[in-house]
C-alpha atoms as a PDB file:
ATOM      1  CA  UNK A   1      71.350  66.792 157.731  1.00  0.00           C
ATOM      2  CA  UNK A   2      72.741  64.774 155.517  1.00  0.00           C
ATOM      3  CA  UNK A   3      71.330  62.908 152.210  1.00  0.00           C
ATOM      4  CA  UNK A   4      71.926  59.965 151.644  1.00  0.00           C
ATOM      5  CA  UNK A   5      70.628  57.292 148.373  1.00  0.00           C
ATOM      6  CA  UNK A   6      69.472  53.939 148.132  1.00  0.00           C
ATOM      7  CA  UNK A   7      68.642  51.748 145.553  1.00  0.00           C
ATOM      8  CA  UNK A   8      66.025  49.557 146.900  1.00  0.00           C
ATOM      9  CA  UNK A   9      64.469  45.778 145.264  1.00  0.00           C
ATOM     10  CA  UNK A  10      61.212  45.482 146.471  1.00  0.00           C
ATOM     11  CA  UNK A  11      58.965  41.935 146.147  1.00  0.00           C
ATOM     12  CA  UNK A  12      55.154  40.918 146.642  1.00  0.00           C
ATOM     13  CA  UNK A  13      52.594  42.464 145.709  1.00  0.00           C
ATOM     14  CA  UNK A  14      53.871  45.183 144.102  1.00  0.00           C
ATOM     15  CA  UNK A  15      52.899  45.526 140.215  1.00  0.00           C
ATOM     16  CA  UNK A  16      49.661  45.692 138.949  1.00  0.00           C
ATOM     17  CA  UNK A  17      48.686  48.141 142.743  1.00  0.00           C
ATOM     18  CA  UNK A  18      49.846  51.219 141.906  1.00  0.00           C
ATOM     19  CA  UNK A  19      53.139  50.378 144.243  1.00  0.00           C
ATOM     20  CA  UNK A  20      54.779  52.457 141.797  1.00  0.00           C
ATOM     21  CA  UNK A  21      52.168  55.806 141.791  1.00  0.00           C
ATOM     22  CA  UNK A  22      52.058  55.366 145.607  1.00  0.00           C
ATOM     23  CA  UNK A  23      55.507  55.353 145.775  1.00  0.00           C
ATOM     24  CA  UNK A  24      55.818  59.778 144.047  1.00  0.00           C
ATOM     25  CA  UNK A  25      53.007  60.167 145.972  1.00  0.00           C
ATOM     26  CA  UNK A  26      54.231  59.211 149.037  1.00  0.00           C
ATOM     27  CA  UNK A  27      58.220  60.498 148.119  1.00  0.00           C
ATOM     28  CA  UNK A  28      56.152  63.836 147.129  1.00  0.00           C
ATOM     29  CA  UNK A  29      55.169  64.382 150.628  1.00  0.00           C
ATOM     30  CA  UNK A  30      58.278  63.866 151.876  1.00  0.00           C
ATOM     31  CA  UNK A  31      60.831  66.133 149.993  1.00  0.00           C
ATOM     32  CA  UNK A  32      62.286  62.625 148.612  1.00  0.00           C
ATOM     33  CA  UNK A  33      63.959  62.926 145.602  1.00  0.00           C
ATOM     34  CA  UNK A  34      64.519  59.609 143.239  1.00  0.00           C
ATOM     35  CA  UNK A  35      62.651  57.240 140.926  1.00  0.00           C
ATOM     36  CA  UNK A  36      60.220  53.967 141.038  1.00  0.00           C
ATOM     37  CA  UNK A  37      60.386  51.359 137.882  1.00  0.00           C
ATOM     38  CA  UNK A  38      58.640  48.113 137.025  1.00  0.00           C
ATOM     39  CA  UNK A  39      61.110  44.946 136.789  1.00  0.00           C
ATOM     40  CA  UNK A  40      60.584  42.119 134.885  1.00  0.00           C
ATOM     41  CA  UNK A  41      61.018  39.228 137.232  1.00  0.00           C
ATOM     42  CA  UNK A  42      57.515  41.206 139.039  1.00  0.00           C
ATOM     43  CA  UNK A  43      59.616  42.789 141.832  1.00  0.00           C
ATOM     44  CA  UNK A  44      59.946  47.037 141.842  1.00  0.00           C
ATOM     45  CA  UNK A  45      63.290  48.257 141.246  1.00  0.00           C
ATOM     46  CA  UNK A  46      63.467  51.931 143.845  1.00  0.00           C
ATOM     47  CA  UNK A  47      66.232  54.998 144.469  1.00  0.00           C
ATOM     48  CA  UNK A  48      65.355  57.011 147.112  1.00  0.00           C
ATOM     49  CA  UNK A  49      67.534  60.566 148.054  1.00  0.00           C
ATOM     50  CA  UNK A  50      66.731  61.361 151.133  1.00  0.00           C
ATOM     51  CA  UNK A  51      67.768  61.754 155.353  1.00  0.00           C
ATOM     52  CA  UNK A  52      67.805  58.865 156.766  1.00  0.00           C
ATOM     53  CA  UNK A  53      64.676  60.437 158.914  1.00  0.00           C
ATOM     54  CA  UNK A  54      62.632  61.269 155.250  1.00  0.00           C
ATOM     55  CA  UNK A  55      63.581  57.414 154.366  1.00  0.00           C
ATOM     56  CA  UNK A  56      62.341  55.242 157.158  1.00  0.00           C
ATOM     57  CA  UNK A  57      59.404  57.273 157.119  1.00  0.00           C
ATOM     58  CA  UNK A  58      59.055  57.064 153.198  1.00  0.00           C
ATOM     59  CA  UNK A  59      58.880  53.114 154.269  1.00  0.00           C
ATOM     60  CA  UNK A  60      56.211  53.519 157.218  1.00  0.00           C
ATOM     61  CA  UNK A  61      54.050  55.595 155.449  1.00  0.00           C
ATOM     62  CA  UNK A  62      53.917  52.635 152.361  1.00  0.00           C
ATOM     63  CA  UNK A  63      53.583  50.077 154.890  1.00  0.00           C
ATOM     64  CA  UNK A  64      50.954  51.940 156.011  1.00  0.00           C
ATOM     65  CA  UNK A  65      49.148  53.120 153.143  1.00  0.00           C
ATOM     66  CA  UNK A  66      48.639  49.252 152.364  1.00  0.00           C
ATOM     67  CA  UNK A  67      48.456  47.611 154.757  1.00  0.00           C
ATOM     68  CA  UNK A  68      44.443  48.073 154.539  1.00  0.00           C
ATOM     69  CA  UNK A  69      44.282  45.994 151.549  1.00  0.00           C
ATOM     70  CA  UNK A  70      46.324  43.163 152.972  1.00  0.00           C
ATOM     71  CA  UNK A  71      49.007  43.516 150.378  1.00  0.00           C
ATOM     72  CA  UNK A  72      51.899  42.423 150.755  1.00  0.00           C
ATOM     73  CA  UNK A  73      55.937  43.118 150.021  1.00  0.00           C
ATOM     74  CA  UNK A  74      59.066  43.882 151.467  1.00  0.00           C
ATOM     75  CA  UNK A  75      62.827  44.719 150.658  1.00  0.00           C
ATOM     76  CA  UNK A  76      64.432  42.365 149.025  1.00  0.00           C
ATOM     77  CA  UNK A  77      67.964  43.912 148.240  1.00  0.00           C
ATOM     78  CA  UNK A  78      68.683  47.676 150.031  1.00  0.00           C
ATOM     79  CA  UNK A  79      72.236  49.605 148.952  1.00  0.00           C
ATOM     80  CA  UNK A  80      73.879  53.054 150.191  1.00  0.00           C
ATOM     81  CA  UNK A  81      74.850  53.891 146.436  1.00  0.00           C
ATOM     82  CA  UNK A  82      76.438  57.667 144.929  1.00  0.00           C
ATOM     83  CA  UNK A  83      73.778  60.356 145.678  1.00  0.00           C
ATOM     84  CA  UNK A  84      72.648  62.427 142.963  1.00  0.00           C
ATOM     85  CA  UNK A  85      73.425  66.033 142.663  1.00  0.00           C
ATOM     86  CA  UNK A  86      70.504  68.755 141.445  1.00  0.00           C
ATOM     87  CA  UNK A  87      68.479  66.403 141.152  1.00  0.00           C
ATOM     88  CA  UNK A  88      65.134  67.537 142.170  1.00  0.00           C
ATOM     89  CA  UNK A  89      61.737  65.059 141.745  1.00  0.00           C
ATOM     90  CA  UNK A  90      61.295  62.074 142.380  1.00  0.00           C
ATOM     91  CA  UNK A  91      59.387  59.633 139.151  1.00  0.00           C
ATOM     92  CA  UNK A  92      57.718  56.701 138.102  1.00  0.00           C
ATOM     93  CA  UNK A  93      60.058  55.469 135.055  1.00  0.00           C
ATOM     94  CA  UNK A  94      58.693  52.636 132.670  1.00  0.00           C
END
């Protein structure tokens, strides 16, 4: 199973709605490592490391968790970046 690391910038209803903490909970459930943080421009930046299946499941689960609240968000940019060796958790950064 090959790993992949992605840097993703989310825009929309992503600050003040528990987005970072929900991201961490989902990442922990799926075994994804990396981090997430609020950006000064109102977006959220995340680095996610896992398999293609884990990363796909992350986004689908995130959408489903926020759908009942009618929050709208989207991916503004997504880039593959180098893996981080030895990373073993997912954190919320400040």
